[in-house]
PDB file of all heavy atoms in Angstrom:
ATOM      1  N   THR A   1       0.850  -1.190   0.006  1.00  0.00           N
ATOM      2  CA  THR A   1      -0.003   0.013  -0.017  1.00  0.00           C
ATOM      3  C   THR A   1       0.891   1.233   0.002  1.00  0.00           C
ATOM      4  O   THR A   1       2.048   1.238   0.426  1.00  0.00           O
ATOM      5  CB  THR A   1      -0.961   0.031   1.199  1.00  0.00           C
ATOM      6  OG1 THR A   1      -0.177  -0.140   2.399  1.00  0.00           O
ATOM      7  CG2 THR A   1      -1.957  -1.076   1.130  1.00  0.00           C
ATOM      8  N   ARG A   2       0.272   2.347  -0.511  1.00  0.00           N
ATOM      9  CA  ARG A   2       1.026   3.585  -0.558  1.00  0.00           C
ATOM     10  C   ARG A   2       0.023   4.731  -0.319  1.00  0.00           C
ATOM     11  O   ARG A   2      -1.092   4.746  -0.841  1.00  0.00           O
ATOM     12  CB  ARG A   2       1.689   3.798  -1.952  1.00  0.00           C
ATOM     13  CG  ARG A   2       2.416   5.186  -2.031  1.00  0.00           C
ATOM     14  CD  ARG A   2       2.871   5.429  -3.452  1.00  0.00           C
ATOM     15  NE  ARG A   2       3.794   4.426  -3.875  1.00  0.00           N
ATOM     16  CZ  ARG A   2       3.901   3.976  -5.131  1.00  0.00           C
ATOM     17  NH1 ARG A   2       3.024   4.428  -6.056  1.00  0.00           N
ATOM     18  NH2 ARG A   2       4.796   3.082  -5.420  1.00  0.00           N
ATOM     19  N   VAL A   3       0.401   5.703   0.442  1.00  0.00           N
ATOM     20  CA  VAL A   3      -0.322   6.959   0.617  1.00  0.00           C
ATOM     21  C   VAL A   3       0.044   7.828  -0.564  1.00  0.00           C
ATOM     22  O   VAL A   3       1.155   8.312  -0.705  1.00  0.00           O
ATOM     23  CB  VAL A   3       0.038   7.623   1.949  1.00  0.00           C
ATOM     24  CG1 VAL A   3      -0.740   8.958   2.080  1.00  0.00           C
ATOM     25  CG2 VAL A   3      -0.343   6.704   3.124  1.00  0.00           C
ATOM     26  N   VAL A   4      -0.934   8.057  -1.424  1.00  0.00           N
ATOM     27  CA  VAL A   4      -0.713   8.720  -2.684  1.00  0.00           C
ATOM     28  C   VAL A   4      -0.907  10.238  -2.541  1.00  0.00           C
ATOM     29  O   VAL A   4      -1.936  10.727  -1.944  1.00  0.00           O
ATOM     30  CB  VAL A   4      -1.668   8.207  -3.759  1.00  0.00           C
ATOM     31  CG1 VAL A   4      -1.452   8.921  -5.096  1.00  0.00           C
ATOM     32  CG2 VAL A   4      -1.438   6.679  -3.938  1.00  0.00           C
ATOM     33  N   ASP A   5       0.075  10.981  -3.132  1.00  0.00           N
ATOM     34  CA  ASP A   5      -0.026  12.434  -3.129  1.00  0.00           C
ATOM     35  C   ASP A   5      -0.265  13.001  -1.725  1.00  0.00           C
ATOM     36  O   ASP A   5       0.449  12.700  -0.794  1.00  0.00           O
ATOM     37  CB  ASP A   5      -1.050  12.958  -4.116  1.00  0.00           C
ATOM     38  CG  ASP A   5      -0.711  12.489  -5.524  1.00  0.00           C
ATOM     39  OD1 ASP A   5       0.475  12.374  -5.855  1.00  0.00           O
ATOM     40  OD2 ASP A   5      -1.675  12.205  -6.254  1.00  0.00           O
ATOM     41  N   THR A   6      -1.308  13.843  -1.589  1.00  0.00           N
ATOM     42  CA  THR A   6      -1.618  14.487  -0.300  1.00  0.00           C
ATOM     43  C   THR A   6      -2.689  13.670   0.479  1.00  0.00           C
ATOM     44  O   THR A   6      -3.174  14.186   1.485  1.00  0.00           O
ATOM     45  CB  THR A   6      -2.061  15.895  -0.504  1.00  0.00           C
ATOM     46  OG1 THR A   6      -3.248  15.878  -1.335  1.00  0.00           O
ATOM     47  CG2 THR A   6      -0.951  16.730  -1.166  1.00  0.00           C
ATOM     48  N   ASN A   7      -3.066  12.504   0.000  1.00  0.00           N
ATOM     49  CA  ASN A   7      -4.045  11.737   0.671  1.00  0.00           C
ATOM     50  C   ASN A   7      -3.593  11.299   2.076  1.00  0.00           C
ATOM     51  O   ASN A   7      -2.393  11.207   2.340  1.00  0.00           O
ATOM     52  CB  ASN A   7      -4.402  10.467  -0.087  1.00  0.00           C
ATOM     53  CG  ASN A   7      -5.115  10.838  -1.415  1.00  0.00           C
ATOM     54  OD1 ASN A   7      -5.559  11.932  -1.577  1.00  0.00           O
ATOM     55  ND2 ASN A   7      -5.245   9.855  -2.279  1.00  0.00           N
ATOM     56  N   THR A   8      -4.525  10.992   2.907  1.00  0.00           N
ATOM     57  CA  THR A   8      -4.225  10.426   4.244  1.00  0.00           C
ATOM     58  C   THR A   8      -4.553   8.946   4.286  1.00  0.00           C
ATOM     59  O   THR A   8      -4.322   8.243   5.255  1.00  0.00           O
ATOM     60  CB  THR A   8      -5.003  11.113   5.320  1.00  0.00           C
ATOM     61  OG1 THR A   8      -6.435  11.076   5.048  1.00  0.00           O
ATOM     62  CG2 THR A   8      -4.616  12.637   5.396  1.00  0.00           C
ATOM     63  N   THR A   9      -5.131   8.415   3.221  1.00  0.00           N
ATOM     64  CA  THR A   9      -5.499   7.005   3.087  1.00  0.00           C
ATOM     65  C   THR A   9      -4.481   6.305   2.145  1.00  0.00           C
ATOM     66  O   THR A   9      -3.832   6.958   1.308  1.00  0.00           O
ATOM     67  CB  THR A   9      -6.905   6.846   2.505  1.00  0.00           C
ATOM     68  OG1 THR A   9      -6.965   7.521   1.247  1.00  0.00           O
ATOM     69  CG2 THR A   9      -7.953   7.412   3.496  1.00  0.00           C
ATOM     70  N   ALA A  10      -4.396   5.005   2.312  1.00  0.00           N
ATOM     71  CA  ALA A  10      -3.413   4.233   1.521  1.00  0.00           C
ATOM     72  C   ALA A  10      -4.141   3.411   0.457  1.00  0.00           C
ATOM     73  O   ALA A  10      -5.129   2.688   0.784  1.00  0.00           O
ATOM     74  CB  ALA A  10      -2.613   3.317   2.436  1.00  0.00           C
ATOM     75  N   ASP A  11      -3.672   3.458  -0.788  1.00  0.00           N
ATOM     76  CA  ASP A  11      -4.243   2.600  -1.854  1.00  0.00           C
ATOM     77  C   ASP A  11      -3.345   1.359  -2.015  1.00  0.00           C
ATOM     78  O   ASP A  11      -2.197   1.303  -1.625  1.00  0.00           O
ATOM     79  CB  ASP A  11      -4.257   3.437  -3.193  1.00  0.00           C
ATOM     80  CG  ASP A  11      -5.407   4.397  -3.188  1.00  0.00           C
ATOM     81  OD1 ASP A  11      -6.544   3.878  -3.270  1.00  0.00           O
ATOM     82  OD2 ASP A  11      -5.220   5.599  -3.224  1.00  0.00           O
ATOM     83  N   LEU A  12      -3.891   0.364  -2.695  1.00  0.00           N
ATOM     84  CA  LEU A  12      -3.276  -0.971  -2.876  1.00  0.00           C
ATOM     85  C   LEU A  12      -2.627  -1.005  -4.272  1.00  0.00           C
ATOM     86  O   LEU A  12      -3.200  -0.680  -5.253  1.00  0.00           O
ATOM     87  CB  LEU A  12      -4.293  -2.035  -2.696  1.00  0.00           C
ATOM     88  CG  LEU A  12      -3.776  -3.488  -2.748  1.00  0.00           C
ATOM     89  CD1 LEU A  12      -2.852  -3.762  -1.527  1.00  0.00           C
ATOM     90  CD2 LEU A  12      -4.978  -4.441  -2.684  1.00  0.00           C
ATOM     91  N   PHE A  13      -1.381  -1.532  -4.251  1.00  0.00           N
ATOM     92  CA  PHE A  13      -0.623  -1.758  -5.472  1.00  0.00           C
ATOM     93  C   PHE A  13      -0.068  -3.171  -5.498  1.00  0.00           C
ATOM     94  O   PHE A  13       0.069  -3.861  -4.473  1.00  0.00           O
ATOM     95  CB  PHE A  13       0.630  -0.811  -5.533  1.00  0.00           C
ATOM     96  CG  PHE A  13       0.226   0.661  -5.600  1.00  0.00           C
ATOM     97  CD1 PHE A  13      -0.198   1.351  -4.491  1.00  0.00           C
ATOM     98  CD2 PHE A  13       0.333   1.318  -6.811  1.00  0.00           C
ATOM     99  CE1 PHE A  13      -0.558   2.709  -4.586  1.00  0.00           C
ATOM    100  CE2 PHE A  13      -0.032   2.669  -6.982  1.00  0.00           C
ATOM    101  CZ  PHE A  13      -0.434   3.339  -5.799  1.00  0.00           C
ATOM    102  N   SER A  14       0.221  -3.656  -6.706  1.00  0.00           N
ATOM    103  CA  SER A  14       0.938  -4.959  -6.873  1.00  0.00           C
ATOM    104  C   SER A  14       2.204  -4.691  -7.637  1.00  0.00           C
ATOM    105  O   SER A  14       2.346  -3.758  -8.443  1.00  0.00           O
ATOM    106  CB  SER A  14       0.014  -5.937  -7.602  1.00  0.00           C
ATOM    107  OG  SER A  14      -0.167  -5.568  -8.946  1.00  0.00           O
ATOM    108  N   TRP A  15       3.186  -5.587  -7.409  1.00  0.00           N
ATOM    109  CA  TRP A  15       4.464  -5.551  -8.125  1.00  0.00           C
ATOM    110  C   TRP A  15       4.861  -6.916  -8.526  1.00  0.00           C
ATOM    111  O   TRP A  15       4.833  -7.847  -7.703  1.00  0.00           O
ATOM    112  CB  TRP A  15       5.518  -4.930  -7.216  1.00  0.00           C
ATOM    113  CG  TRP A  15       6.882  -4.677  -7.840  1.00  0.00           C
ATOM    114  CD1 TRP A  15       7.257  -3.717  -8.748  1.00  0.00           C
ATOM    115  CD2 TRP A  15       8.052  -5.431  -7.563  1.00  0.00           C
ATOM    116  NE1 TRP A  15       8.563  -3.850  -9.079  1.00  0.00           N
ATOM    117  CE2 TRP A  15       9.074  -4.868  -8.359  1.00  0.00           C
ATOM    118  CE3 TRP A  15       8.377  -6.535  -6.708  1.00  0.00           C
ATOM    119  CZ2 TRP A  15      10.435  -5.380  -8.338  1.00  0.00           C
ATOM    120  CZ3 TRP A  15       9.659  -7.018  -6.709  1.00  0.00           C
ATOM    121  CH2 TRP A  15      10.683  -6.422  -7.506  1.00  0.00           C
ATOM    122  N   ASP A  16       5.221  -7.122  -9.836  1.00  0.00           N
ATOM    123  CA  ASP A  16       5.533  -8.434 -10.347  1.00  0.00           C
ATOM    124  C   ASP A  16       7.023  -8.670 -10.587  1.00  0.00           C
ATOM    125  O   ASP A  16       7.379  -9.653 -11.234  1.00  0.00           O
ATOM    126  CB  ASP A  16       4.755  -8.707 -11.588  1.00  0.00           C
ATOM    127  CG  ASP A  16       5.110  -7.714 -12.741  1.00  0.00           C
ATOM    128  OD1 ASP A  16       6.026  -6.916 -12.529  1.00  0.00           O
ATOM    129  OD2 ASP A  16       4.415  -7.775 -13.774  1.00  0.00           O
ATOM    130  N   GLY A  17       7.841  -7.821 -10.070  1.00  0.00           N
ATOM    131  CA  GLY A  17       9.261  -7.952 -10.319  1.00  0.00           C
ATOM    132  C   GLY A  17       9.822  -6.942 -11.316  1.00  0.00           C
ATOM    133  O   GLY A  17      11.009  -6.654 -11.426  1.00  0.00           O
ATOM    134  N   THR A  18       8.877  -6.388 -12.097  1.00  0.00           N
ATOM    135  CA  THR A  18       9.260  -5.445 -13.138  1.00  0.00           C
ATOM    136  C   THR A  18       8.508  -4.130 -13.035  1.00  0.00           C
ATOM    137  O   THR A  18       9.083  -3.052 -13.083  1.00  0.00           O
ATOM    138  CB  THR A  18       9.029  -6.026 -14.563  1.00  0.00           C
ATOM    139  OG1 THR A  18       9.717  -7.258 -14.676  1.00  0.00           O
ATOM    140  CG2 THR A  18       9.456  -5.068 -15.589  1.00  0.00           C
ATOM    141  N   SER A  19       7.225  -4.231 -12.876  1.00  0.00           N
ATOM    142  CA  SER A  19       6.372  -2.975 -12.868  1.00  0.00           C
ATOM    143  C   SER A  19       5.299  -3.122 -11.786  1.00  0.00           C
ATOM    144  O   SER A  19       4.924  -4.199 -11.361  1.00  0.00           O
ATOM    145  CB  SER A  19       5.755  -2.760 -14.256  1.00  0.00           C
ATOM    146  OG  SER A  19       4.939  -3.927 -14.587  1.00  0.00           O
ATOM    147  N   GLU A  20       4.843  -1.960 -11.406  1.00  0.00           N
ATOM    148  CA  GLU A  20       3.738  -1.907 -10.394  1.00  0.00           C
ATOM    149  C   GLU A  20       2.406  -1.582 -11.027  1.00  0.00           C
ATOM    150  O   GLU A  20       2.327  -0.970 -12.126  1.00  0.00           O
ATOM    151  CB  GLU A  20       4.034  -0.896  -9.333  1.00  0.00           C
ATOM    152  CG  GLU A  20       3.952   0.572  -9.775  1.00  0.00           C
ATOM    153  CD  GLU A  20       4.155   1.581  -8.608  1.00  0.00           C
ATOM    154  OE1 GLU A  20       5.076   1.380  -7.797  1.00  0.00           O
ATOM    155  OE2 GLU A  20       3.388   2.550  -8.584  1.00  0.00           O
ATOM    156  N   THR A  21       1.337  -1.993 -10.415  1.00  0.00           N
ATOM    157  CA  THR A  21       0.009  -1.776 -10.883  1.00  0.00           C
ATOM    158  C   THR A  21      -0.835  -1.269  -9.731  1.00  0.00           C
ATOM    159  O   THR A  21      -0.879  -1.883  -8.674  1.00  0.00           O
ATOM    160  CB  THR A  21      -0.713  -3.021 -11.438  1.00  0.00           C
ATOM    161  OG1 THR A  21       0.160  -3.516 -12.531  1.00  0.00           O
ATOM    162  CG2 THR A  21      -2.087  -2.716 -12.040  1.00  0.00           C
ATOM    163  N   ARG A  22      -1.504  -0.101  -9.939  1.00  0.00           N
ATOM    164  CA  ARG A  22      -2.423   0.380  -8.910  1.00  0.00           C
ATOM    165  C   ARG A  22      -3.703  -0.343  -8.958  1.00  0.00           C
ATOM    166  O   ARG A  22      -4.382  -0.457 -10.022  1.00  0.00           O
ATOM    167  CB  ARG A  22      -2.658   1.887  -9.076  1.00  0.00           C
ATOM    168  CG  ARG A  22      -3.433   2.525  -7.977  1.00  0.00           C
ATOM    169  CD  ARG A  22      -3.498   4.039  -8.118  1.00  0.00           C
ATOM    170  NE  ARG A  22      -4.270   4.681  -7.078  1.00  0.00           N
ATOM    171  CZ  ARG A  22      -4.366   5.977  -6.874  1.00  0.00           C
ATOM    172  NH1 ARG A  22      -3.648   6.841  -7.695  1.00  0.00           N
ATOM    173  NH2 ARG A  22      -5.115   6.498  -5.927  1.00  0.00           N
ATOM    174  N   LEU A  23      -4.164  -0.902  -7.855  1.00  0.00           N
ATOM    175  CA  LEU A  23      -5.368  -1.776  -7.841  1.00  0.00           C
ATOM    176  C   LEU A  23      -6.570  -1.026  -7.278  1.00  0.00           C
ATOM    177  O   LEU A  23      -7.694  -1.535  -7.498  1.00  0.00           O
ATOM    178  CB  LEU A  23      -5.110  -3.029  -6.921  1.00  0.00           C
ATOM    179  CG  LEU A  23      -3.890  -3.892  -7.377  1.00  0.00           C
ATOM    180  CD1 LEU A  23      -3.683  -5.035  -6.437  1.00  0.00           C
ATOM    181  CD2 LEU A  23      -4.025  -4.327  -8.796  1.00  0.00           C
ATOM    182  N   THR A  24      -6.393   0.033  -6.509  1.00  0.00           N
ATOM    183  CA  THR A  24      -7.554   0.688  -5.939  1.00  0.00           C
ATOM    184  C   THR A  24      -7.459   2.238  -6.203  1.00  0.00           C
ATOM    185  O   THR A  24      -6.421   2.785  -6.483  1.00  0.00           O
ATOM    186  CB  THR A  24      -7.626   0.518  -4.408  1.00  0.00           C
ATOM    187  OG1 THR A  24      -6.408   1.074  -3.834  1.00  0.00           O
ATOM    188  CG2 THR A  24      -7.690  -0.966  -4.073  1.00  0.00           C
ATOM    189  N   ASN A  25      -8.608   2.848  -6.200  1.00  0.00           N
ATOM    190  CA  ASN A  25      -8.743   4.282  -6.465  1.00  0.00           C
ATOM    191  C   ASN A  25      -9.902   4.822  -5.741  1.00  0.00           C
ATOM    192  O   ASN A  25     -10.501   4.119  -4.874  1.00  0.00           O
ATOM    193  CB  ASN A  25      -8.809   4.584  -7.959  1.00  0.00           C
ATOM    194  CG  ASN A  25      -8.069   5.802  -8.396  1.00  0.00           C
ATOM    195  OD1 ASN A  25      -8.193   6.830  -7.739  1.00  0.00           O
ATOM    196  ND2 ASN A  25      -7.338   5.683  -9.450  1.00  0.00           N
TER     197      ASN A  25
END
């Protein structure tokens, strides 16, 4: 998870060894 920009909430991401994908918005 990552807190994106100025948000106070964390979104979910996946990483496959090469690139990341944002899963929630």
